[in-house]
Amino acid sequence: MSVKDNNFTGLYWLIFNEVFLIAHIILIKTLVGDFSVFQIVFMRSISSSIIIIPILFYVKNQKNIFGQFQANLIRVVLSFMAISIQFFTISNIQLAQVSTIGYLRPSIMSIFAFFILSEKQSKGRWLVLIVGFLSILLVFSPESNSIQLIALLALLGSCCGSLSTIFQKFLSKKFSEIQLMVWYSVGISILSFPFCIYTWKEVSLNELIFMILTGLLATSAQYFYIKAFRLSQASFLAPIQYFHIIPVLIIGYLIFSEIPSYQTLFGALIIILSLICLLIWEKNR
């Protein structure tokens, strides 16, 4: 299978990831107003761990799981920082703003992929990344100093998430999807546990179910995400993730009564048109 075929096969898995991720975001946005970020992160990751660990042993895939210990540990720490920051920003600003800031992550990831993984970049991809970055600057216009600080924190989270994905891409050559998911879920459970205990708040049955569902949805989405990046070049999938803005805008408006600004809508339009041009160009190469 050619590199181009692999890229588009990976794209299909990324679409599945997006569907489950959107459902996950809805639940997180519902919960973060009442509970600490670390409690949600812990419940999400421990729910995933309870599901993933038996599967690991069922498929007899636990062999050499502790290999590349340092690289796996770094990935887990980066992932923990990224997800904690993401949940915090979701609780403080609109989903559309969270997404637009998050769109810096694919750009950062492509840069890391270029320098760390030595993945070649076409002129079309560089152009789309630049257009996407400029569109994000147009969309995101902080209204207060507090939002500016949250934006800076979100930028740090994007850097952590990007580096985590690069480590994931490297590790996926030696580890299966299940092994990587076990490292992710169990590792974040361990890291978040002390913070969770300190900030713990009692939950109702419905809230507990929601927290468990975040783990189920996140586990499925992560599997699709790992599968996508195993097959495709990180620099190919990175700009495609800009499409995430469309369902987020719709959900923010219909479910959480968040009204996007004209800059947000205009920036999203520019991003989508750029992506369509990139996909057509890539397929006809």
C-alpha atoms as a PDB file:
ATOM      1  CA  MET A   1       0.000   0.000   0.000  1.00  0.00           C
ATOM      2  CA  SER A   2       1.367   3.430  -0.964  1.00  0.00           C
ATOM      3  CA  VAL A   3       1.932   6.311   1.425  1.00  0.00           C
ATOM      4  CA  LYS A   4      -1.071   8.094  -0.109  1.00  0.00           C
ATOM      5  CA  ASP A   5      -3.348   5.062   0.404  1.00  0.00           C
ATOM      6  CA  ASN A   6      -2.155   4.728   3.995  1.00  0.00           C
ATOM      7  CA  ASN A   7      -2.856   8.405   4.590  1.00  0.00           C
ATOM      8  CA  PHE A   8      -6.464   8.146   3.447  1.00  0.00           C
ATOM      9  CA  THR A   9      -7.060   4.886   5.323  1.00  0.00           C
ATOM     10  CA  GLY A  10      -5.850   6.660   8.440  1.00  0.00           C
ATOM     11  CA  LEU A  11      -8.258   9.485   7.663  1.00  0.00           C
ATOM     12  CA  TYR A  12     -11.225   7.104   7.926  1.00  0.00           C
ATOM     13  CA  TRP A  13     -10.137   6.116  11.432  1.00  0.00           C
ATOM     14  CA  LEU A  14      -9.737   9.776  12.329  1.00  0.00           C
ATOM     15  CA  ILE A  15     -13.383  10.399  11.384  1.00  0.00           C
ATOM     16  CA  PHE A  16     -14.514   7.676  13.812  1.00  0.00           C
ATOM     17  CA  ASN A  17     -12.336   9.327  16.439  1.00  0.00           C
ATOM     18  CA  GLU A  18     -14.098  12.628  15.840  1.00  0.00           C
ATOM     19  CA  VAL A  19     -17.595  11.198  16.368  1.00  0.00           C
ATOM     20  CA  PHE A  20     -16.728   9.648  19.725  1.00  0.00           C
ATOM     21  CA  LEU A  21     -14.688  12.678  20.737  1.00  0.00           C
ATOM     22  CA  ILE A  22     -17.619  15.040  20.204  1.00  0.00           C
ATOM     23  CA  ALA A  23     -19.845  12.924  22.453  1.00  0.00           C
ATOM     24  CA  HIS A  24     -17.054  12.930  25.034  1.00  0.00           C
ATOM     25  CA  ILE A  25     -16.763  16.746  24.909  1.00  0.00           C
ATOM     26  CA  ILE A  26     -20.494  17.160  25.545  1.00  0.00           C
ATOM     27  CA  LEU A  27     -20.245  15.085  28.724  1.00  0.00           C
ATOM     28  CA  ILE A  28     -17.105  16.884  29.908  1.00  0.00           C
ATOM     29  CA  LYS A  29     -18.679  20.309  29.361  1.00  0.00           C
ATOM     30  CA  THR A  30     -21.683  19.138  31.388  1.00  0.00           C
ATOM     31  CA  LEU A  31     -19.526  17.926  34.301  1.00  0.00           C
ATOM     32  CA  VAL A  32     -16.733  20.497  34.643  1.00  0.00           C
ATOM     33  CA  GLY A  33     -18.993  23.128  36.147  1.00  0.00           C
ATOM     34  CA  ASP A  34     -19.664  20.978  39.226  1.00  0.00           C
ATOM     35  CA  PHE A  35     -16.508  18.916  39.744  1.00  0.00           C
ATOM     36  CA  SER A  36     -12.768  19.462  39.781  1.00  0.00           C
ATOM     37  CA  VAL A  37     -10.807  18.749  36.628  1.00  0.00           C
ATOM     38  CA  PHE A  38      -8.733  16.088  38.385  1.00  0.00           C
ATOM     39  CA  GLN A  39     -11.762  14.167  39.638  1.00  0.00           C
ATOM     40  CA  ILE A  40     -13.144  13.971  36.105  1.00  0.00           C
ATOM     41  CA  VAL A  41      -9.742  13.060  34.662  1.00  0.00           C
ATOM     42  CA  PHE A  42      -9.300  10.285  37.226  1.00  0.00           C
ATOM     43  CA  MET A  43     -12.801   8.826  36.779  1.00  0.00           C
ATOM     44  CA  ARG A  44     -12.387   8.968  33.022  1.00  0.00           C
ATOM     45  CA  SER A  45      -9.018   7.220  33.030  1.00  0.00           C
ATOM     46  CA  ILE A  46      -9.848   4.611  35.687  1.00  0.00           C
ATOM     47  CA  SER A  47     -12.999   3.658  33.769  1.00  0.00           C
ATOM     48  CA  SER A  48     -10.881   3.160  30.680  1.00  0.00           C
ATOM     49  CA  SER A  49      -8.331   1.137  32.652  1.00  0.00           C
ATOM     50  CA  ILE A  50     -10.971  -1.266  33.970  1.00  0.00           C
ATOM     51  CA  ILE A  51     -12.014  -1.994  30.393  1.00  0.00           C
ATOM     52  CA  ILE A  52      -8.629  -2.053  28.700  1.00  0.00           C
ATOM     53  CA  ILE A  53      -6.584  -4.167  31.142  1.00  0.00           C
ATOM     54  CA  PRO A  54      -8.767  -7.342  30.796  1.00  0.00           C
ATOM     55  CA  ILE A  55      -8.680  -6.941  27.009  1.00  0.00           C
ATOM     56  CA  LEU A  56      -4.885  -6.759  27.148  1.00  0.00           C
ATOM     57  CA  PHE A  57      -4.686 -10.134  28.888  1.00  0.00           C
ATOM     58  CA  TYR A  58      -7.510 -11.654  26.849  1.00  0.00           C
ATOM     59  CA  VAL A  59      -5.652 -11.035  23.591  1.00  0.00           C
ATOM     60  CA  LYS A  60      -2.380 -12.071  25.313  1.00  0.00           C
ATOM     61  CA  ASN A  61      -0.706  -8.831  24.323  1.00  0.00           C
ATOM     62  CA  GLN A  62       0.997  -7.974  27.607  1.00  0.00           C
ATOM     63  CA  LYS A  63       4.427  -9.166  26.479  1.00  0.00           C
ATOM     64  CA  ASN A  64       7.142  -6.492  26.619  1.00  0.00           C
ATOM     65  CA  ILE A  65       4.611  -3.873  27.707  1.00  0.00           C
ATOM     66  CA  PHE A  66       7.226  -2.300  29.981  1.00  0.00           C
ATOM     67  CA  GLY A  67       9.680  -1.838  27.150  1.00  0.00           C
ATOM     68  CA  GLN A  68      10.675   1.722  26.238  1.00  0.00           C
ATOM     69  CA  PHE A  69       9.695   2.638  29.794  1.00  0.00           C
ATOM     70  CA  GLN A  70      11.104   6.163  29.721  1.00  0.00           C
ATOM     71  CA  ALA A  71       9.463   7.085  26.413  1.00  0.00           C
ATOM     72  CA  ASN A  72       6.118   5.683  27.579  1.00  0.00           C
ATOM     73  CA  LEU A  73       6.377   7.564  30.865  1.00  0.00           C
ATOM     74  CA  ILE A  74       7.115  10.846  29.104  1.00  0.00           C
ATOM     75  CA  ARG A  75       4.102  10.302  26.831  1.00  0.00           C
ATOM     76  CA  VAL A  76       1.847   9.671  29.849  1.00  0.00           C
ATOM     77  CA  VAL A  77       3.045  12.783  31.700  1.00  0.00           C
ATOM     78  CA  LEU A  78       2.573  14.944  28.606  1.00  0.00           C
ATOM     79  CA  SER A  79      -0.888  13.449  28.042  1.00  0.00           C
ATOM     80  CA  PHE A  80      -1.884  14.068  31.663  1.00  0.00           C
ATOM     81  CA  MET A  81      -0.856  17.708  31.418  1.00  0.00           C
ATOM     82  CA  ALA A  82      -2.623  18.141  28.075  1.00  0.00           C
ATOM     83  CA  ILE A  83      -5.922  16.604  29.157  1.00  0.00           C
ATOM     84  CA  SER A  84      -6.002  18.423  32.508  1.00  0.00           C
ATOM     85  CA  ILE A  85      -5.404  21.760  30.808  1.00  0.00           C
ATOM     86  CA  GLN A  86      -8.020  20.972  28.167  1.00  0.00           C
ATOM     87  CA  PHE A  87     -10.707  20.194  30.758  1.00  0.00           C
ATOM     88  CA  PHE A  88      -9.818  23.360  32.666  1.00  0.00           C
ATOM     89  CA  THR A  89     -10.178  25.538  29.559  1.00  0.00           C
ATOM     90  CA  ILE A  90     -13.492  23.857  28.686  1.00  0.00           C
ATOM     91  CA  SER A  91     -14.819  24.948  32.085  1.00  0.00           C
ATOM     92  CA  ASN A  92     -13.785  28.579  31.604  1.00  0.00           C
ATOM     93  CA  ILE A  93     -14.357  29.550  27.972  1.00  0.00           C
ATOM     94  CA  GLN A  94     -16.656  28.656  25.075  1.00  0.00           C
ATOM     95  CA  LEU A  95     -16.205  25.412  23.193  1.00  0.00           C
ATOM     96  CA  ALA A  96     -15.546  27.377  20.010  1.00  0.00           C
ATOM     97  CA  GLN A  97     -12.718  29.238  21.738  1.00  0.00           C
ATOM     98  CA  VAL A  98     -11.297  26.000  23.112  1.00  0.00           C
ATOM     99  CA  SER A  99     -11.331  24.508  19.634  1.00  0.00           C
ATOM    100  CA  THR A 100      -9.738  27.480  17.939  1.00  0.00           C
ATOM    101  CA  ILE A 101      -6.909  27.495  20.461  1.00  0.00           C
ATOM    102  CA  GLY A 102      -6.655  23.726  20.082  1.00  0.00           C
ATOM    103  CA  TYR A 103      -6.152  24.158  16.360  1.00  0.00           C
ATOM    104  CA  LEU A 104      -2.668  25.390  17.124  1.00  0.00           C
ATOM    105  CA  ARG A 105      -1.911  21.795  18.128  1.00  0.00           C
ATOM    106  CA  PRO A 106      -1.909  20.336  14.584  1.00  0.00           C
ATOM    107  CA  SER A 107       0.400  23.142  13.450  1.00  0.00           C
ATOM    108  CA  ILE A 108       2.745  22.535  16.353  1.00  0.00           C
ATOM    109  CA  MET A 109       2.549  18.778  15.771  1.00  0.00           C
ATOM    110  CA  SER A 110       3.484  19.124  12.114  1.00  0.00           C
ATOM    111  CA  ILE A 111       6.512  21.167  13.095  1.00  0.00           C
ATOM    112  CA  PHE A 112       7.539  18.529  15.647  1.00  0.00           C
ATOM    113  CA  ALA A 113       6.953  15.776  13.061  1.00  0.00           C
ATOM    114  CA  PHE A 114       9.183  17.618  10.596  1.00  0.00           C
ATOM    115  CA  PHE A 115      12.091  18.015  13.026  1.00  0.00           C
ATOM    116  CA  ILE A 116      11.712  14.872  15.180  1.00  0.00           C
ATOM    117  CA  LEU A 117      10.234  12.249  12.827  1.00  0.00           C
ATOM    118  CA  SER A 118      11.807  13.734   9.663  1.00  0.00           C
ATOM    119  CA  GLU A 119       8.455  13.601   7.870  1.00  0.00           C
ATOM    120  CA  LYS A 120       8.544  15.532   4.635  1.00  0.00           C
ATOM    121  CA  GLN A 121       6.146  18.433   4.191  1.00  0.00           C
ATOM    122  CA  SER A 122       4.587  19.362   0.867  1.00  0.00           C
ATOM    123  CA  LYS A 123       4.096  23.003  -0.057  1.00  0.00           C
ATOM    124  CA  GLY A 124       0.337  22.471   0.097  1.00  0.00           C
ATOM    125  CA  ARG A 125       0.479  21.291   3.705  1.00  0.00           C
ATOM    126  CA  TRP A 126       2.692  24.180   4.756  1.00  0.00           C
ATOM    127  CA  LEU A 127       0.278  26.595   3.080  1.00  0.00           C
ATOM    128  CA  VAL A 128      -2.761  25.118   4.814  1.00  0.00           C
ATOM    129  CA  LEU A 129      -0.985  25.170   8.166  1.00  0.00           C
ATOM    130  CA  ILE A 130      -0.114  28.836   7.726  1.00  0.00           C
ATOM    131  CA  VAL A 131      -3.651  29.725   6.633  1.00  0.00           C
ATOM    132  CA  GLY A 132      -5.075  27.760   9.545  1.00  0.00           C
ATOM    133  CA  PHE A 133      -2.797  29.487  12.023  1.00  0.00           C
ATOM    134  CA  LEU A 134      -3.711  32.948  10.708  1.00  0.00           C
ATOM    135  CA  SER A 135      -7.403  32.018  10.813  1.00  0.00           C
ATOM    136  CA  ILE A 136      -7.096  31.011  14.446  1.00  0.00           C
ATOM    137  CA  LEU A 137      -5.537  34.362  15.265  1.00  0.00           C
ATOM    138  CA  LEU A 138      -8.507  36.002  13.572  1.00  0.00           C
ATOM    139  CA  VAL A 139     -11.063  33.853  15.394  1.00  0.00           C
ATOM    140  CA  PHE A 140      -9.629  34.123  18.888  1.00  0.00           C
ATOM    141  CA  SER A 141      -9.794  37.628  20.276  1.00  0.00           C
ATOM    142  CA  PRO A 142      -9.614  37.549  24.109  1.00  0.00           C
ATOM    143  CA  GLU A 143     -11.960  39.950  25.869  1.00  0.00           C
ATOM    144  CA  SER A 144     -10.147  40.109  29.218  1.00  0.00           C
ATOM    145  CA  ASN A 145      -6.807  39.463  30.875  1.00  0.00           C
ATOM    146  CA  SER A 146      -8.144  36.289  32.473  1.00  0.00           C
ATOM    147  CA  ILE A 147      -9.053  34.847  29.072  1.00  0.00           C
ATOM    148  CA  GLN A 148      -5.605  35.788  27.791  1.00  0.00           C
ATOM    149  CA  LEU A 149      -4.046  33.775  30.630  1.00  0.00           C
ATOM    150  CA  ILE A 150      -6.317  30.837  29.852  1.00  0.00           C
ATOM    151  CA  ALA A 151      -5.286  31.121  26.208  1.00  0.00           C
ATOM    152  CA  LEU A 152      -1.605  30.947  27.171  1.00  0.00           C
ATOM    153  CA  LEU A 153      -2.306  27.937  29.365  1.00  0.00           C
ATOM    154  CA  ALA A 154      -4.219  26.321  26.502  1.00  0.00           C
ATOM    155  CA  LEU A 155      -1.215  26.934  24.240  1.00  0.00           C
ATOM    156  CA  LEU A 156       0.968  25.057  26.736  1.00  0.00           C
ATOM    157  CA  GLY A 157      -1.582  22.227  26.681  1.00  0.00           C
ATOM    158  CA  SER A 158      -1.419  22.141  22.887  1.00  0.00           C
ATOM    159  CA  CYS A 159       2.367  21.813  23.029  1.00  0.00           C
ATOM    160  CA  CYS A 160       2.077  18.950  25.534  1.00  0.00           C
ATOM    161  CA  GLY A 161      -0.553  17.203  23.426  1.00  0.00           C
ATOM    162  CA  SER A 162       1.504  17.605  20.261  1.00  0.00           C
ATOM    163  CA  LEU A 163       4.629  16.157  21.834  1.00  0.00           C
ATOM    164  CA  SER A 164       2.567  13.317  23.288  1.00  0.00           C
ATOM    165  CA  THR A 165       1.303  12.452  19.802  1.00  0.00           C
ATOM    166  CA  ILE A 166       4.841  12.465  18.423  1.00  0.00           C
ATOM    167  CA  PHE A 167       5.924  10.038  21.152  1.00  0.00           C
ATOM    168  CA  GLN A 168       2.843   7.954  20.366  1.00  0.00           C
ATOM    169  CA  LYS A 169       3.793   7.822  16.700  1.00  0.00           C
ATOM    170  CA  PHE A 170       7.300   6.661  17.650  1.00  0.00           C
ATOM    171  CA  LEU A 171       6.045   4.057  20.147  1.00  0.00           C
ATOM    172  CA  SER A 172       3.368   2.689  17.783  1.00  0.00           C
ATOM    173  CA  LYS A 173       6.156   1.029  15.778  1.00  0.00           C
ATOM    174  CA  LYS A 174       6.876  -1.329  18.701  1.00  0.00           C
ATOM    175  CA  PHE A 175       3.632  -1.371  20.696  1.00  0.00           C
ATOM    176  CA  SER A 176       0.086  -2.370  19.779  1.00  0.00           C
ATOM    177  CA  GLU A 177      -2.903  -0.056  20.129  1.00  0.00           C
ATOM    178  CA  ILE A 178      -4.032  -1.929  23.269  1.00  0.00           C
ATOM    179  CA  GLN A 179      -0.624  -1.607  24.914  1.00  0.00           C
ATOM    180  CA  LEU A 180      -0.484   2.126  24.226  1.00  0.00           C
ATOM    181  CA  MET A 181      -4.011   2.564  25.568  1.00  0.00           C
ATOM    182  CA  VAL A 182      -3.148   0.677  28.773  1.00  0.00           C
ATOM    183  CA  TRP A 183      -0.139   2.905  29.326  1.00  0.00           C
ATOM    184  CA  TYR A 184      -2.285   5.982  28.722  1.00  0.00           C
ATOM    185  CA  SER A 185      -5.243   5.028  30.930  1.00  0.00           C
ATOM    186  CA  VAL A 186      -3.362   3.451  33.825  1.00  0.00           C
ATOM    187  CA  GLY A 187      -0.644   6.096  33.763  1.00  0.00           C
ATOM    188  CA  ILE A 188      -3.066   9.015  33.905  1.00  0.00           C
ATOM    189  CA  SER A 189      -5.079   7.238  36.616  1.00  0.00           C
ATOM    190  CA  ILE A 190      -1.965   7.030  38.782  1.00  0.00           C
ATOM    191  CA  LEU A 191      -0.904  10.623  38.132  1.00  0.00           C
ATOM    192  CA  SER A 192      -4.357  12.101  38.742  1.00  0.00           C
ATOM    193  CA  PHE A 193      -5.212  10.010  41.824  1.00  0.00           C
ATOM    194  CA  PRO A 194      -3.529  12.219  44.489  1.00  0.00           C
ATOM    195  CA  PHE A 195      -5.111  15.377  43.042  1.00  0.00           C
ATOM    196  CA  CYS A 196      -8.476  13.617  42.780  1.00  0.00           C
ATOM    197  CA  ILE A 197      -8.426  12.596  46.455  1.00  0.00           C
ATOM    198  CA  TYR A 198      -7.623  16.162  47.513  1.00  0.00           C
ATOM    199  CA  THR A 199     -10.445  17.704  45.455  1.00  0.00           C
ATOM    200  CA  TRP A 200     -12.991  14.864  45.695  1.00  0.00           C
ATOM    201  CA  LYS A 201     -16.690  15.737  45.738  1.00  0.00           C
ATOM    202  CA  GLU A 202     -19.570  13.274  46.139  1.00  0.00           C
ATOM    203  CA  VAL A 203     -21.373  12.357  42.942  1.00  0.00           C
ATOM    204  CA  SER A 204     -24.925  11.286  42.183  1.00  0.00           C
ATOM    205  CA  LEU A 205     -25.691   8.108  40.245  1.00  0.00           C
ATOM    206  CA  ASN A 206     -26.318  10.036  37.010  1.00  0.00           C
ATOM    207  CA  GLU A 207     -23.097  12.006  37.404  1.00  0.00           C
ATOM    208  CA  LEU A 208     -21.177   8.795  38.078  1.00  0.00           C
ATOM    209  CA  ILE A 209     -22.617   7.255  34.912  1.00  0.00           C
ATOM    210  CA  PHE A 210     -21.600  10.332  32.930  1.00  0.00           C
ATOM    211  CA  MET A 211     -18.056  10.126  34.286  1.00  0.00           C
ATOM    212  CA  ILE A 212     -17.828   6.438  33.405  1.00  0.00           C
ATOM    213  CA  LEU A 213     -19.169   7.158  29.923  1.00  0.00           C
ATOM    214  CA  THR A 214     -16.423   9.728  29.384  1.00  0.00           C
ATOM    215  CA  GLY A 215     -13.964   6.894  29.916  1.00  0.00           C
ATOM    216  CA  LEU A 216     -15.758   4.569  27.507  1.00  0.00           C
ATOM    217  CA  LEU A 217     -16.001   7.215  24.813  1.00  0.00           C
ATOM    218  CA  ALA A 218     -12.436   8.396  25.333  1.00  0.00           C
ATOM    219  CA  THR A 219     -11.110   4.826  25.139  1.00  0.00           C
ATOM    220  CA  SER A 220     -12.860   4.203  21.835  1.00  0.00           C
ATOM    221  CA  ALA A 221     -11.770   7.569  20.448  1.00  0.00           C
ATOM    222  CA  GLN A 222      -8.168   6.966  21.496  1.00  0.00           C
ATOM    223  CA  TYR A 223      -8.124   3.580  19.767  1.00  0.00           C
ATOM    224  CA  PHE A 224      -9.305   5.189  16.526  1.00  0.00           C
ATOM    225  CA  TYR A 225      -6.784   8.019  16.980  1.00  0.00           C
ATOM    226  CA  ILE A 226      -3.837   5.675  17.506  1.00  0.00           C
ATOM    227  CA  LYS A 227      -4.951   3.573  14.553  1.00  0.00           C
ATOM    228  CA  ALA A 228      -5.143   6.667  12.348  1.00  0.00           C
ATOM    229  CA  PHE A 229      -1.679   7.921  13.253  1.00  0.00           C
ATOM    230  CA  ARG A 230      -0.176   4.441  12.948  1.00  0.00           C
ATOM    231  CA  LEU A 231      -1.270   4.327   9.307  1.00  0.00           C
ATOM    232  CA  SER A 232      -0.842   7.954   8.262  1.00  0.00           C
ATOM    233  CA  GLN A 233       1.817  10.594   8.399  1.00  0.00           C
ATOM    234  CA  ALA A 234       1.306  12.918  11.367  1.00  0.00           C
ATOM    235  CA  SER A 235       1.858  15.907   9.100  1.00  0.00           C
ATOM    236  CA  PHE A 236      -0.977  14.726   6.782  1.00  0.00           C
ATOM    237  CA  LEU A 237      -3.588  14.216   9.503  1.00  0.00           C
ATOM    238  CA  ALA A 238      -2.652  17.358  11.448  1.00  0.00           C
ATOM    239  CA  PRO A 239      -4.348  19.981   9.227  1.00  0.00           C
ATOM    240  CA  ILE A 240      -7.417  17.780   8.657  1.00  0.00           C
ATOM    241  CA  GLN A 241      -8.274  18.064  12.333  1.00  0.00           C
ATOM    242  CA  TYR A 242      -9.270  21.694  11.700  1.00  0.00           C
ATOM    243  CA  PHE A 243     -12.653  20.292  10.566  1.00  0.00           C
ATOM    244  CA  HIS A 244     -13.428  19.783  14.259  1.00  0.00           C
ATOM    245  CA  ILE A 245     -14.607  23.411  14.443  1.00  0.00           C
ATOM    246  CA  ILE A 246     -17.882  22.730  12.599  1.00  0.00           C
ATOM    247  CA  PRO A 247     -19.548  20.214  14.981  1.00  0.00           C
ATOM    248  CA  VAL A 248     -18.174  22.141  17.961  1.00  0.00           C
ATOM    249  CA  LEU A 249     -19.848  25.348  16.788  1.00  0.00           C
ATOM    250  CA  ILE A 250     -23.147  23.529  16.318  1.00  0.00           C
ATOM    251  CA  ILE A 251     -23.000  21.794  19.712  1.00  0.00           C
ATOM    252  CA  GLY A 252     -21.937  24.948  21.519  1.00  0.00           C
ATOM    253  CA  TYR A 253     -24.913  26.811  20.091  1.00  0.00           C
ATOM    254  CA  LEU A 254     -27.628  24.135  20.341  1.00  0.00           C
ATOM    255  CA  ILE A 255     -26.711  22.515  23.660  1.00  0.00           C
ATOM    256  CA  PHE A 256     -24.832  25.166  25.645  1.00  0.00           C
ATOM    257  CA  SER A 257     -26.332  28.346  24.118  1.00  0.00           C
ATOM    258  CA  GLU A 258     -22.909  29.643  23.086  1.00  0.00           C
ATOM    259  CA  ILE A 259     -23.161  32.181  20.278  1.00  0.00           C
ATOM    260  CA  PRO A 260     -19.993  32.312  18.134  1.00  0.00           C
ATOM    261  CA  SER A 261     -18.656  35.632  16.912  1.00  0.00           C
ATOM    262  CA  TYR A 262     -18.500  36.632  13.251  1.00  0.00           C
ATOM    263  CA  GLN A 263     -14.711  36.220  13.408  1.00  0.00           C
ATOM    264  CA  THR A 264     -15.202  32.617  14.505  1.00  0.00           C
ATOM    265  CA  LEU A 265     -17.562  31.830  11.650  1.00  0.00           C
ATOM    266  CA  PHE A 266     -15.365  33.560   9.073  1.00  0.00           C
ATOM    267  CA  GLY A 267     -12.221  31.853  10.343  1.00  0.00           C
ATOM    268  CA  ALA A 268     -13.940  28.463  10.321  1.00  0.00           C
ATOM    269  CA  LEU A 269     -15.008  29.015   6.701  1.00  0.00           C
ATOM    270  CA  ILE A 270     -11.446  29.809   5.668  1.00  0.00           C
ATOM    271  CA  ILE A 271     -10.177  26.691   7.435  1.00  0.00           C
ATOM    272  CA  ILE A 272     -12.729  24.380   5.816  1.00  0.00           C
ATOM    273  CA  LEU A 273     -12.099  25.749   2.322  1.00  0.00           C
ATOM    274  CA  SER A 274      -8.366  25.297   2.827  1.00  0.00           C
ATOM    275  CA  LEU A 275      -8.903  21.698   3.920  1.00  0.00           C
ATOM    276  CA  ILE A 276     -11.066  20.882   0.934  1.00  0.00           C
ATOM    277  CA  CYS A 277      -8.374  22.232  -1.391  1.00  0.00           C
ATOM    278  CA  LEU A 278      -5.695  20.223   0.441  1.00  0.00           C
ATOM    279  CA  LEU A 279      -7.661  16.954   0.247  1.00  0.00           C
ATOM    280  CA  ILE A 280      -8.334  17.383  -3.481  1.00  0.00           C
ATOM    281  CA  TRP A 281      -4.688  18.229  -4.112  1.00  0.00           C
ATOM    282  CA  GLU A 282      -3.410  15.281  -2.046  1.00  0.00           C
ATOM    283  CA  LYS A 283      -5.709  12.792  -3.777  1.00  0.00           C
ATOM    284  CA  ASN A 284      -4.653  13.941  -7.240  1.00  0.00           C
ATOM    285  CA  ARG A 285      -0.908  13.893  -6.583  1.00  0.00           C
END
